[in-house]
Amino acid sequence: MNSLLLVIIMFVGFLIAYHTYGKYLGKKIFKLASDFVCPSHELQDDLDFVPTNKHVLFGHHYTSIAGLGPIVGPAVGLIWGWVPAAIWVFFGSIFIGAVHDFGALVVSLRHDGRSIGDVSGDIITPRVRFLFLLIIFFLLLLVIAVFALVIAILFTMYPQAVIPVWIEVPLAVWVGHMIYKKGASHTTMGLLAVVLLYVTVVIGAYLPVDLTAFGMSGKAALITWIVILFVYAFIASRLPVQVLLQPRDYINSHQLFVALGLLFLGVLVARPDITAPMYNASPEGAPPIWPFIFVVIACGAISGFHSLVSSGTSSKQCYGEDDAKFIGYGSMLMEGTLSALVIVACAAGLGMGLDTDAGLLTGIEAYSHHYASWSAASGLGAKLNAFVKGAANMIGSYGIPMNITITIMGVFLVSFAATTLDTATRLQRYIVGELAYATRVPALAGKTPATLIAVLTAFILAFYNGSGKGALTLWPLFGTANQLLAGLALLVITVYLVKKGIPTIYTLLPMLFMIFMTGWAMLMNLNKFYSSGNMLLFGIGLCILILEIWMILEALIFFKKFKADPRAYATEPR
């Protein structure tokens, strides 16, 4: 199959879905109201609650939910063939992921911009609130610690990206100042900023910053970057969102659209045929496709982390409730679009040429070399190199020099990983605050103590073994726990609709699917951890599973009580 045909089918399908299914959900299920007073107005503090133009907020939301997820997931999931990867990304985004993100945003908007975990206490029971917040805290702890490491690794892999990525910080502060203090057009400033960013990309291509060139060992360089990133995360998460978070993400959204445009132009010019197999049932060393494709390809189709962004930062900035479809549903479809291009880059672009020790490989040989086994395809470098090399091949088809292309892709990857680190740290501050109130220790809910807890716990996890890689010990739990979180978020959204007397089929079926598939994957992982004697992962994974089962049981008990006396559980009119 030609890659251009696949891209067009998926792009057109996403566009149709937004204007049909998304519109139906907004009008008939979530009943968006243009006159609804959002928390950004009602609770405006110019720190976290800031009314924001929907296009600027789209930039923040999209780049926050995207991160590296829609790149690394499809890049690994392709080992089972391009057809199952494309099907899951397409239908998962439309009917599960976008519904999940949209619903979490709406529920949070109608509960003062609180997180989906905190809101679950109002919708189901207070016990559920505490259980859910504990699960979320654990997941965000892993995200912060691991993404600090990932960015540090990317800086060593792509030293050309160091100058552009760090210059983007003062550039974002300047953009925020011009928009909010000087009244400049956000469109004009966004376009100007991205032009300046790409000037620094060219500079970075010729002036890479490699700390090992200054006499540091590879380990010392990695640790130095991790420490710098933790300090940056602490400072950035305490600043008002309009100072750094919003404008940086807005710039990154423009950068993403440029990257998508370059990739699409590459597909249009090169029109490479897909050389990856349609279906590969038993890759060497890989877990079974059922249920693990739904865990491995997460952000490109659905991810529990998205519900934290929707109900954490985005709901506090949403200007009007009728913006929720564009931000929540639309952003997820755009993420599916990115994943579609990643699939093409790895399934077709990689086949245009892959340099190896054995020489230049093309076609199915290039794919087979990279995806020879699960271990060969699943490392961070392997995941990203498949995408970067395939993308560079396609972009190079119309004359952009390879060193510039590699730098563009390197900056692209680091920028989105940094966005995830920024947002996750701020989200963890909110979660710590909500846990502090839930446990009646309000002194810990303040901005400074909550941020210190968020950063220090991640720092301790990262450096408990002295390497900065401590979080990797627990990372094997993240995939299944994150996807079970998505199922639990859909559970909260479904209960909310039940209490409102609104049809639940559109969230109930996705909820059941996600809880079943990822619960199945968690049980298989627990069996593997136990069989291999890894009692740490087995114990923590079992605790997470028990907490999630407890949440589900609490919801079932609520349903029984609600059915017996619906009036006793009437909700507020919002």
Protein backbone atom coordinates (compact mmCIF):
# COMPACT_ATOMS: atom_id res chain seq x y z
CA MET A 1 0.00 0.00 0.00
CA ASN A 2 1.22 3.50 -0.74
CA SER A 3 1.83 5.65 2.34
CA LEU A 4 0.11 8.70 0.82
CA LEU A 5 -3.18 6.82 0.49
CA LEU A 6 -3.03 5.68 4.14
CA VAL A 7 -2.31 9.23 5.35
CA ILE A 8 -5.18 10.72 3.33
CA ILE A 9 -7.66 8.10 4.57
CA MET A 10 -6.74 8.71 8.20
CA PHE A 11 -6.61 12.52 7.92
CA VAL A 12 -9.99 12.75 6.18
CA GLY A 13 -11.48 10.27 8.67
CA PHE A 14 -10.33 12.38 11.64
CA LEU A 15 -11.74 15.53 10.06
CA ILE A 16 -15.14 13.90 9.45
CA ALA A 17 -15.19 12.48 12.99
CA TYR A 18 -14.57 15.90 14.54
CA HIS A 19 -17.47 17.49 12.67
CA THR A 20 -19.88 14.60 13.25
CA TYR A 21 -19.19 12.45 16.30
CA GLY A 22 -17.44 15.22 18.20
CA LYS A 23 -20.28 17.63 17.45
CA TYR A 24 -22.85 15.06 18.58
CA LEU A 25 -21.04 14.45 21.87
CA GLY A 26 -20.77 18.16 22.57
CA LYS A 27 -24.41 18.90 21.81
CA LYS A 28 -26.31 15.80 22.94
CA ILE A 29 -24.14 14.12 25.58
CA PHE A 30 -22.07 16.79 27.32
CA LYS A 31 -24.56 19.55 26.43
CA LEU A 32 -22.02 22.36 26.15
CA ALA A 33 -23.42 25.80 26.99
CA SER A 34 -21.94 29.04 25.67
CA ASP A 35 -23.21 30.98 28.71
CA PHE A 36 -21.61 28.66 31.28
CA VAL A 37 -19.17 30.55 33.56
CA CYS A 38 -15.92 28.59 33.49
CA PRO A 39 -13.58 28.29 36.51
CA SER A 40 -11.01 30.43 34.66
CA HIS A 41 -13.37 33.40 35.14
CA GLU A 42 -15.04 32.45 38.41
CA LEU A 43 -11.79 31.61 40.21
CA GLN A 44 -9.35 33.76 38.21
CA ASP A 45 -6.09 34.27 40.13
CA ASP A 46 -3.70 34.98 37.23
CA LEU A 47 -1.53 32.10 38.42
CA ASP A 48 -3.30 28.84 37.55
CA PHE A 49 -6.82 30.07 36.71
CA VAL A 50 -6.38 32.29 33.66
CA PRO A 51 -9.04 32.81 30.91
CA THR A 52 -7.25 31.88 27.71
CA ASN A 53 -7.93 32.21 24.01
CA LYS A 54 -8.92 28.78 22.72
CA HIS A 55 -6.15 28.67 20.11
CA VAL A 56 -3.48 29.41 22.72
CA LEU A 57 -4.98 26.83 25.09
CA PHE A 58 -5.15 24.31 22.26
CA GLY A 59 -1.39 24.77 21.91
CA HIS A 60 -0.84 24.07 25.59
CA HIS A 61 -3.24 21.13 25.73
CA TYR A 62 -2.05 19.48 22.53
CA THR A 63 1.64 19.69 23.31
CA SER A 64 1.05 18.54 26.91
CA ILE A 65 -0.89 15.40 25.97
CA ALA A 66 1.41 14.64 23.03
CA GLY A 67 4.90 14.58 24.51
CA LEU A 68 6.80 11.59 23.14
CA GLY A 69 3.88 9.18 23.58
CA PRO A 70 2.42 9.33 20.06
CA ILE A 71 5.93 8.80 18.70
CA VAL A 72 7.41 6.01 20.80
CA GLY A 73 4.17 4.01 21.08
CA PRO A 74 3.47 3.57 17.35
CA ALA A 75 7.20 3.20 16.67
CA VAL A 76 7.25 0.10 18.90
CA GLY A 77 3.71 -1.12 18.18
CA LEU A 78 4.60 -1.37 14.50
CA ILE A 79 6.45 -4.58 15.36
CA TRP A 80 3.05 -6.33 15.14
CA GLY A 81 2.46 -4.90 11.66
CA TRP A 82 1.21 -1.59 10.31
CA VAL A 83 -2.45 -2.62 9.93
CA PRO A 84 -3.22 -3.26 13.63
CA ALA A 85 -1.25 -0.14 14.58
CA ALA A 86 -3.18 2.06 12.12
CA ILE A 87 -6.56 0.56 13.05
CA TRP A 88 -6.04 1.11 16.79
CA VAL A 89 -4.77 4.67 16.32
CA PHE A 90 -7.66 5.58 14.01
CA PHE A 91 -10.64 4.05 15.81
CA GLY A 92 -9.12 4.37 19.28
CA SER A 93 -8.60 8.12 18.85
CA ILE A 94 -12.11 8.78 17.54
CA PHE A 95 -14.26 6.58 19.79
CA ILE A 96 -12.17 6.15 22.96
CA GLY A 97 -9.29 8.60 23.41
CA ALA A 98 -11.03 11.77 22.25
CA VAL A 99 -14.17 10.89 24.25
CA HIS A 100 -12.02 10.33 27.34
CA ASP A 101 -10.15 13.65 26.99
CA PHE A 102 -13.31 15.60 26.14
CA GLY A 103 -15.29 14.09 29.01
CA ALA A 104 -12.56 14.68 31.60
CA LEU A 105 -12.34 18.33 30.55
CA VAL A 106 -16.12 18.88 30.76
CA VAL A 107 -16.48 17.15 34.15
CA SER A 108 -13.61 19.24 35.57
CA LEU A 109 -15.05 22.47 34.14
CA ARG A 110 -18.28 21.76 36.00
CA HIS A 111 -16.44 21.09 39.26
CA ASP A 112 -14.33 24.24 39.67
CA GLY A 113 -11.41 23.02 37.56
CA ARG A 114 -10.48 20.24 40.00
CA SER A 115 -8.65 17.11 38.88
CA ILE A 116 -10.58 14.04 37.79
CA GLY A 117 -9.23 12.28 40.89
CA ASP A 118 -10.50 14.94 43.27
CA VAL A 119 -13.86 15.21 41.50
CA SER A 120 -14.38 11.44 41.79
CA GLY A 121 -15.05 11.96 45.49
CA ASP A 122 -18.06 14.15 44.70
CA ILE A 123 -19.33 11.92 41.92
CA ILE A 124 -18.82 8.51 43.55
CA THR A 125 -17.54 8.44 47.17
CA PRO A 126 -14.85 10.22 49.27
CA ARG A 127 -12.94 6.92 49.54
CA VAL A 128 -12.67 6.83 45.75
CA ARG A 129 -11.12 10.30 45.83
CA PHE A 130 -8.27 9.18 48.08
CA LEU A 131 -7.67 5.95 46.14
CA PHE A 132 -7.67 7.74 42.79
CA LEU A 133 -5.36 10.52 43.99
CA LEU A 134 -2.85 7.95 45.25
CA ILE A 135 -2.78 6.22 41.86
CA ILE A 136 -2.37 9.56 40.08
CA PHE A 137 0.43 10.63 42.43
CA PHE A 138 2.35 7.43 41.68
CA LEU A 139 1.95 7.82 37.92
CA LEU A 140 3.03 11.47 37.92
CA LEU A 141 5.99 10.62 40.15
CA LEU A 142 7.17 8.19 37.48
CA VAL A 143 6.51 10.64 34.63
CA ILE A 144 8.52 13.46 36.25
CA ALA A 145 11.48 11.26 37.16
CA VAL A 146 11.59 9.41 33.84
CA PHE A 147 11.07 12.42 31.58
CA ALA A 148 13.90 14.31 33.28
CA LEU A 149 16.04 11.30 32.36
CA VAL A 150 14.60 11.09 28.84
CA ILE A 151 15.36 14.75 28.10
CA ALA A 152 18.88 14.32 29.46
CA ILE A 153 19.37 11.30 27.16
CA LEU A 154 17.97 13.25 24.21
CA PHE A 155 20.42 16.08 24.89
CA THR A 156 23.23 13.53 24.61
CA MET A 157 21.70 11.92 21.52
CA TYR A 158 20.98 15.24 19.81
CA PRO A 159 23.44 17.88 21.17
CA GLN A 160 22.30 20.08 18.26
CA ALA A 161 18.99 20.53 20.14
CA VAL A 162 20.50 22.07 23.29
CA ILE A 163 20.77 25.71 22.09
CA PRO A 164 17.31 25.87 20.42
CA VAL A 165 15.52 24.22 23.37
CA TRP A 166 17.01 26.48 26.04
CA ILE A 167 16.66 29.66 23.97
CA GLU A 168 12.97 28.81 23.66
CA VAL A 169 12.54 29.56 27.39
CA PRO A 170 13.30 33.33 27.26
CA LEU A 171 11.59 33.45 23.88
CA ALA A 172 8.40 32.06 25.47
CA VAL A 173 8.59 34.56 28.36
CA TRP A 174 8.89 37.39 25.81
CA VAL A 175 5.90 36.08 23.85
CA GLY A 176 3.81 35.84 27.03
CA HIS A 177 4.78 39.39 28.02
CA MET A 178 3.89 40.78 24.59
CA ILE A 179 0.49 39.03 24.50
CA TYR A 180 -0.66 39.63 28.07
CA LYS A 181 1.06 42.92 28.93
CA LYS A 182 1.30 44.67 25.59
CA GLY A 183 -1.84 43.34 23.91
CA ALA A 184 0.00 41.89 20.90
CA SER A 185 -1.77 39.43 18.60
CA HIS A 186 -1.21 35.84 19.73
CA THR A 187 -1.16 34.72 16.09
CA THR A 188 1.49 37.24 15.08
CA MET A 189 3.63 36.51 18.13
CA GLY A 190 3.31 32.76 17.70
CA LEU A 191 4.43 32.90 14.06
CA LEU A 192 7.28 35.30 14.84
CA ALA A 193 8.46 33.11 17.72
CA VAL A 194 8.49 29.95 15.65
CA VAL A 195 10.52 31.71 12.91
CA LEU A 196 13.05 32.77 15.55
CA LEU A 197 13.05 29.23 16.94
CA TYR A 198 13.98 27.81 13.56
CA VAL A 199 16.79 30.34 13.27
CA THR A 200 18.18 28.83 16.47
CA VAL A 201 17.67 25.37 14.98
CA VAL A 202 20.09 26.24 12.18
CA ILE A 203 22.51 27.64 14.76
CA GLY A 204 22.20 24.47 16.83
CA ALA A 205 22.89 22.29 13.79
CA TYR A 206 26.34 23.87 13.49
CA LEU A 207 26.98 24.52 17.22
CA PRO A 208 26.05 21.34 19.12
CA VAL A 209 26.51 21.43 22.90
CA ASP A 210 28.01 18.16 24.10
CA LEU A 211 29.01 18.23 27.78
CA THR A 212 31.46 15.39 27.27
CA ALA A 213 33.47 17.78 25.08
CA PHE A 214 34.11 19.79 28.28
CA GLY A 215 35.79 16.85 29.96
CA MET A 216 32.72 15.24 31.57
CA SER A 217 32.12 11.52 31.44
CA GLY A 218 28.92 10.34 29.83
CA LYS A 219 27.43 9.54 33.25
CA ALA A 220 28.41 12.95 34.69
CA ALA A 221 26.90 14.74 31.70
CA LEU A 222 23.65 12.81 32.11
CA ILE A 223 23.42 13.56 35.83
CA THR A 224 24.21 17.26 35.23
CA TRP A 225 21.34 17.59 32.77
CA ILE A 226 18.93 15.77 35.10
CA VAL A 227 19.75 18.08 38.02
CA ILE A 228 19.37 21.17 35.80
CA LEU A 229 16.02 19.88 34.57
CA PHE A 230 14.69 19.29 38.09
CA VAL A 231 15.65 22.84 39.07
CA TYR A 232 13.97 24.13 35.92
CA ALA A 233 10.81 22.08 36.62
CA PHE A 234 10.58 23.50 40.14
CA ILE A 235 10.84 27.09 38.91
CA ALA A 236 8.60 26.66 35.86
CA SER A 237 5.76 24.94 37.74
CA ARG A 238 5.53 27.81 40.25
CA LEU A 239 5.32 30.57 37.66
CA PRO A 240 1.92 31.88 36.47
CA VAL A 241 0.81 29.82 33.48
CA GLN A 242 0.77 32.86 31.17
CA VAL A 243 4.45 33.64 31.93
CA LEU A 244 6.06 30.45 30.60
CA LEU A 245 3.81 27.38 30.34
CA GLN A 246 1.21 28.79 27.95
CA PRO A 247 3.53 30.68 25.58
CA ARG A 248 6.09 27.88 25.46
CA ASP A 249 3.43 25.33 24.61
CA TYR A 250 1.92 27.74 22.09
CA ILE A 251 5.30 28.01 20.35
CA ASN A 252 5.67 24.24 20.49
CA SER A 253 2.28 23.79 18.89
CA HIS A 254 3.45 25.90 15.95
CA GLN A 255 6.63 23.85 15.86
CA LEU A 256 4.54 20.70 15.78
CA PHE A 257 2.44 21.96 12.89
CA VAL A 258 5.63 22.81 11.00
CA ALA A 259 6.97 19.30 11.66
CA LEU A 260 3.66 17.75 10.58
CA GLY A 261 3.75 19.89 7.44
CA LEU A 262 7.32 18.82 6.65
CA LEU A 263 6.41 15.17 7.17
CA PHE A 264 3.26 15.40 5.06
CA LEU A 265 5.19 17.17 2.30
CA GLY A 266 7.73 14.36 2.49
CA VAL A 267 4.97 11.78 2.04
CA LEU A 268 3.52 13.83 -0.82
CA VAL A 269 6.86 14.17 -2.64
CA ALA A 270 8.43 10.77 -1.92
CA ARG A 271 5.19 8.74 -1.80
CA PRO A 272 7.09 5.75 -0.37
CA ASP A 273 5.38 2.38 -0.40
CA ILE A 274 4.82 0.75 2.97
CA THR A 275 7.47 -1.94 3.28
CA ALA A 276 6.61 -3.11 6.79
CA PRO A 277 4.47 -6.25 6.95
CA MET A 278 0.72 -5.81 7.27
CA TYR A 279 0.60 -8.18 10.24
CA ASN A 280 3.26 -9.92 12.27
CA ALA A 281 1.65 -12.28 14.75
CA SER A 282 4.72 -13.49 16.67
CA PRO A 283 7.70 -11.11 16.73
CA GLU A 284 10.72 -12.55 18.53
CA GLY A 285 10.51 -11.85 22.27
CA ALA A 286 7.41 -9.66 22.00
CA PRO A 287 4.39 -9.99 24.29
CA PRO A 288 1.14 -11.09 22.63
CA ILE A 289 -0.55 -8.46 20.48
CA TRP A 290 -3.74 -9.02 22.48
CA PRO A 291 -3.88 -7.18 24.85
CA PHE A 292 -0.51 -5.41 24.70
CA ILE A 293 -1.01 -3.32 21.58
CA PHE A 294 -3.57 -1.32 23.59
CA VAL A 295 -0.91 -0.63 26.22
CA VAL A 296 2.11 -0.05 24.00
CA ILE A 297 0.28 2.35 21.66
CA ALA A 298 -1.18 4.61 24.31
CA CYS A 299 -1.03 8.35 23.60
CA GLY A 300 -1.75 7.87 19.91
CA ALA A 301 -5.13 6.35 20.78
CA ILE A 302 -5.91 6.87 24.49
CA SER A 303 -3.83 7.64 27.58
CA GLY A 304 -4.84 8.14 31.19
CA PHE A 305 -2.32 10.97 31.47
CA HIS A 306 -4.55 13.00 29.15
CA SER A 307 -7.35 13.06 31.73
CA LEU A 308 -4.91 14.69 34.16
CA VAL A 309 -4.06 17.42 31.65
CA SER A 310 -7.73 17.96 30.74
CA SER A 311 -8.80 18.22 34.37
CA GLY A 312 -5.59 19.71 35.72
CA THR A 313 -4.27 22.63 33.70
CA SER A 314 -6.61 22.97 30.70
CA SER A 315 -9.85 23.19 32.70
CA LYS A 316 -8.36 26.06 34.71
CA GLN A 317 -7.66 28.05 31.55
CA CYS A 318 -10.64 27.24 29.32
CA TYR A 319 -12.33 30.54 28.38
CA GLY A 320 -15.77 29.16 27.51
CA GLU A 321 -17.40 25.76 27.84
CA ASP A 322 -18.13 25.62 24.13
CA ASP A 323 -14.33 25.64 23.55
CA ALA A 324 -14.12 22.20 25.17
CA LYS A 325 -14.82 20.26 21.95
CA PHE A 326 -12.02 22.02 20.08
CA ILE A 327 -9.56 21.59 22.95
CA GLY A 328 -10.49 18.16 24.30
CA TYR A 329 -11.83 16.23 21.30
CA GLY A 330 -9.88 18.11 18.62
CA SER A 331 -6.49 17.81 20.32
CA MET A 332 -6.80 14.04 20.59
CA LEU A 333 -7.58 13.72 16.88
CA MET A 334 -4.54 15.89 16.11
CA GLU A 335 -2.48 13.53 18.23
CA GLY A 336 -3.86 10.66 16.19
CA THR A 337 -2.72 12.57 13.11
CA LEU A 338 0.81 12.74 14.49
CA SER A 339 0.73 9.01 15.25
CA ALA A 340 -0.43 8.29 11.70
CA LEU A 341 2.62 10.12 10.34
CA VAL A 342 4.88 8.26 12.77
CA ILE A 343 3.49 4.96 11.49
CA VAL A 344 4.23 6.05 7.92
CA ALA A 345 7.73 7.29 8.83
CA CYS A 346 8.61 3.93 10.41
CA ALA A 347 6.68 1.65 8.04
CA ALA A 348 7.60 3.41 4.77
CA GLY A 349 10.22 6.12 5.39
CA LEU A 350 12.62 3.74 7.11
CA GLY A 351 12.55 1.54 4.02
CA MET A 352 13.93 4.42 1.92
CA GLY A 353 17.34 3.78 3.42
CA LEU A 354 18.90 2.69 6.71
CA ASP A 355 22.65 2.89 7.27
CA THR A 356 23.98 -0.14 9.16
CA ASP A 357 27.32 -1.85 9.74
CA ALA A 358 26.37 -4.15 6.88
CA GLY A 359 25.81 -1.21 4.54
CA LEU A 360 22.71 0.61 3.30
CA LEU A 361 19.53 -1.40 3.71
CA THR A 362 16.25 -0.57 1.97
CA GLY A 363 12.70 -1.90 1.81
CA ILE A 364 11.73 -4.86 3.96
CA GLU A 365 15.40 -5.45 4.83
CA ALA A 366 15.57 -2.05 6.57
CA TYR A 367 12.39 -2.83 8.53
CA SER A 368 13.56 -6.34 9.44
CA HIS A 369 16.93 -5.04 10.65
CA HIS A 370 15.33 -2.52 13.01
CA TYR A 371 12.44 -4.74 14.11
CA ALA A 372 14.40 -7.98 14.29
CA SER A 373 13.17 -8.60 17.82
CA TRP A 374 11.30 -6.94 20.70
CA SER A 375 14.54 -6.05 22.45
CA ALA A 376 15.94 -4.48 19.28
CA ALA A 377 12.90 -2.26 18.77
CA SER A 378 11.87 -1.33 22.30
CA GLY A 379 14.80 0.70 23.69
CA LEU A 380 14.46 4.49 23.77
CA GLY A 381 17.15 5.00 21.16
CA ALA A 382 15.62 2.38 18.87
CA LYS A 383 12.13 3.85 19.24
CA LEU A 384 13.22 7.35 18.37
CA ASN A 385 15.81 6.44 15.74
CA ALA A 386 13.23 4.56 13.67
CA PHE A 387 11.05 7.67 13.56
CA VAL A 388 13.87 10.20 13.13
CA LYS A 389 15.57 8.22 10.35
CA GLY A 390 12.30 7.51 8.52
CA ALA A 391 11.18 11.13 8.86
CA ALA A 392 14.58 12.42 7.73
CA ASN A 393 14.43 10.21 4.64
CA MET A 394 11.03 11.61 3.65
CA ILE A 395 11.90 15.24 4.41
CA GLY A 396 15.21 14.85 2.60
CA SER A 397 13.28 13.90 -0.54
CA TYR A 398 12.76 17.59 -1.31
CA GLY A 399 16.25 18.82 -0.56
CA ILE A 400 16.55 19.84 3.11
CA PRO A 401 20.09 18.89 4.26
CA MET A 402 20.26 15.85 6.53
CA ASN A 403 22.01 17.67 9.40
CA ILE A 404 19.28 20.34 9.47
CA THR A 405 16.57 17.67 9.30
CA ILE A 406 18.08 15.71 12.18
CA THR A 407 18.30 18.90 14.26
CA ILE A 408 14.66 19.79 13.49
CA MET A 409 13.56 16.33 14.64
CA GLY A 410 15.83 16.46 17.71
CA VAL A 411 14.43 19.84 18.81
CA PHE A 412 10.94 18.54 18.11
CA LEU A 413 11.47 15.52 20.38
CA VAL A 414 13.14 17.40 23.23
CA SER A 415 10.58 20.23 23.15
CA PHE A 416 7.70 17.83 23.55
CA ALA A 417 9.41 15.84 26.27
CA ALA A 418 10.06 19.14 28.09
CA THR A 419 6.40 20.09 27.76
CA THR A 420 5.42 16.83 29.45
CA LEU A 421 7.92 17.49 32.26
CA ASP A 422 6.58 21.04 32.77
CA THR A 423 2.95 20.00 32.81
CA ALA A 424 3.44 16.85 34.90
CA THR A 425 5.26 18.81 37.61
CA ARG A 426 2.50 21.42 37.79
CA LEU A 427 -0.14 18.66 37.81
CA GLN A 428 1.68 16.91 40.65
CA ARG A 429 1.59 20.18 42.60
CA TYR A 430 -2.19 20.20 42.22
CA ILE A 431 -2.46 16.52 43.22
CA VAL A 432 -0.28 17.04 46.31
CA GLY A 433 -2.54 19.95 47.28
CA GLU A 434 -5.69 17.88 46.81
CA LEU A 435 -4.16 15.00 48.81
CA ALA A 436 -3.19 17.45 51.54
CA TYR A 437 -6.79 18.60 51.90
CA ALA A 438 -8.09 15.03 51.67
CA THR A 439 -5.77 13.99 54.54
CA ARG A 440 -6.44 17.21 56.49
CA VAL A 441 -2.90 18.57 56.24
CA PRO A 442 -3.66 21.86 54.44
CA ALA A 443 -0.21 23.32 55.23
CA LEU A 444 1.24 21.09 52.52
CA ALA A 445 -1.20 22.39 49.90
CA GLY A 446 0.59 25.73 49.43
CA LYS A 447 2.37 26.41 46.17
CA THR A 448 5.91 26.11 47.55
CA PRO A 449 5.53 23.03 49.80
CA ALA A 450 3.43 21.17 47.20
CA THR A 451 5.99 21.92 44.47
CA LEU A 452 8.86 20.85 46.72
CA ILE A 453 7.15 17.54 47.41
CA ALA A 454 6.45 17.04 43.70
CA VAL A 455 10.06 17.67 42.66
CA LEU A 456 11.90 16.14 45.64
CA THR A 457 10.01 12.84 45.50
CA ALA A 458 10.87 12.53 41.80
CA PHE A 459 14.49 13.53 42.52
CA ILE A 460 14.76 10.86 45.24
CA LEU A 461 13.30 8.22 42.93
CA ALA A 462 15.68 9.21 40.14
CA PHE A 463 18.81 9.18 42.32
CA TYR A 464 18.11 6.51 44.90
CA ASN A 465 20.75 4.37 43.15
CA GLY A 466 23.02 7.33 42.33
CA SER A 467 22.62 7.12 38.55
CA GLY A 468 19.61 9.31 37.79
CA LYS A 469 17.98 6.23 36.26
CA GLY A 470 16.25 4.99 39.39
CA ALA A 471 12.75 5.51 38.00
CA LEU A 472 13.45 2.97 35.25
CA THR A 473 13.18 0.29 37.94
CA LEU A 474 9.46 1.02 38.23
CA TRP A 475 8.81 2.13 34.64
CA PRO A 476 7.58 -1.33 33.48
CA LEU A 477 4.47 -0.65 35.58
CA PHE A 478 3.66 2.63 33.89
CA GLY A 479 2.06 1.40 30.67
CA THR A 480 -0.64 -0.78 32.19
CA ALA A 481 -1.22 1.55 35.15
CA ASN A 482 -1.58 4.53 32.82
CA GLN A 483 -4.13 2.75 30.63
CA LEU A 484 -6.07 1.50 33.65
CA LEU A 485 -6.15 5.15 34.77
CA ALA A 486 -7.85 5.94 31.45
CA GLY A 487 -10.46 3.29 32.19
CA LEU A 488 -11.03 4.72 35.67
CA ALA A 489 -11.37 8.26 34.30
CA LEU A 490 -14.01 6.95 31.89
CA LEU A 491 -15.68 5.29 34.88
CA VAL A 492 -15.95 8.66 36.67
CA ILE A 493 -17.28 10.32 33.50
CA THR A 494 -19.84 7.52 33.07
CA VAL A 495 -21.08 7.84 36.67
CA TYR A 496 -21.38 11.60 36.14
CA LEU A 497 -23.61 11.00 33.09
CA VAL A 498 -25.68 8.43 35.02
CA LYS A 499 -26.37 10.98 37.75
CA LYS A 500 -27.39 13.49 35.07
CA GLY A 501 -29.75 11.02 33.41
CA ILE A 502 -27.77 11.19 30.14
CA PRO A 503 -27.16 8.10 27.91
CA THR A 504 -23.86 6.50 28.92
CA ILE A 505 -23.21 4.08 26.04
CA TYR A 506 -20.61 6.43 24.49
CA THR A 507 -18.40 6.31 27.60
CA LEU A 508 -19.49 2.97 29.07
CA LEU A 509 -18.28 0.80 26.17
CA PRO A 510 -14.84 2.53 25.97
CA MET A 511 -14.58 2.19 29.78
CA LEU A 512 -15.32 -1.54 29.74
CA PHE A 513 -12.93 -2.10 26.84
CA MET A 514 -10.04 -0.26 28.51
CA ILE A 515 -10.52 -1.80 31.95
CA PHE A 516 -10.76 -5.31 30.50
CA MET A 517 -7.82 -5.06 28.08
CA THR A 518 -5.42 -3.28 30.38
CA GLY A 519 -6.49 -5.28 33.43
CA TRP A 520 -5.67 -8.40 31.40
CA ALA A 521 -2.26 -6.91 30.51
CA MET A 522 -1.59 -6.01 34.16
CA LEU A 523 -2.33 -9.58 35.28
CA MET A 524 0.03 -10.94 32.62
CA ASN A 525 2.74 -8.54 33.76
CA LEU A 526 2.23 -9.50 37.40
CA ASN A 527 2.63 -13.14 36.46
CA LYS A 528 5.86 -12.29 34.62
CA PHE A 529 7.21 -10.25 37.56
CA TYR A 530 6.40 -13.05 40.00
CA SER A 531 7.86 -15.78 37.79
CA SER A 532 11.10 -13.83 37.35
CA GLY A 533 11.37 -13.14 41.09
CA ASN A 534 10.93 -9.37 40.74
CA MET A 535 9.02 -8.92 43.98
CA LEU A 536 9.32 -5.10 43.94
CA LEU A 537 7.41 -4.72 40.66
CA PHE A 538 5.05 -7.53 41.61
CA GLY A 539 4.22 -5.94 44.97
CA ILE A 540 3.72 -2.39 43.69
CA GLY A 541 1.80 -3.60 40.65
CA LEU A 542 -0.45 -5.73 42.84
CA CYS A 543 -1.13 -2.74 45.11
CA ILE A 544 -2.09 -0.60 42.10
CA LEU A 545 -4.40 -3.33 40.79
CA ILE A 546 -6.05 -3.72 44.20
CA LEU A 547 -6.62 0.04 44.48
CA GLU A 548 -8.20 0.09 41.02
CA ILE A 549 -10.43 -2.93 41.74
CA TRP A 550 -11.45 -1.22 44.99
CA MET A 551 -12.44 1.88 43.00
CA ILE A 552 -14.53 -0.20 40.61
CA LEU A 553 -16.28 -1.96 43.50
CA GLU A 554 -17.05 1.41 45.11
CA ALA A 555 -18.61 2.52 41.81
CA LEU A 556 -20.71 -0.67 41.60
CA ILE A 557 -21.96 -0.13 45.16
CA PHE A 558 -22.85 3.45 44.21
CA PHE A 559 -24.78 2.24 41.13
CA LYS A 560 -26.81 -0.13 43.32
CA LYS A 561 -27.70 2.65 45.77
CA PHE A 562 -28.44 5.11 42.98
CA LYS A 563 -30.79 2.68 41.26
CA ALA A 564 -32.67 2.21 44.54
CA ASP A 565 -33.09 5.94 45.21
CA PRO A 566 -31.91 8.30 42.40
CA ARG A 567 -33.24 11.41 44.15
CA ALA A 568 -30.88 10.89 47.08
CA TYR A 569 -27.95 11.37 44.71
CA ALA A 570 -29.19 14.36 42.75
CA THR A 571 -26.33 16.55 41.58
CA GLU A 572 -25.95 20.27 41.25
CA PRO A 573 -27.39 21.83 38.07
CA ARG A 574 -23.98 22.51 36.50
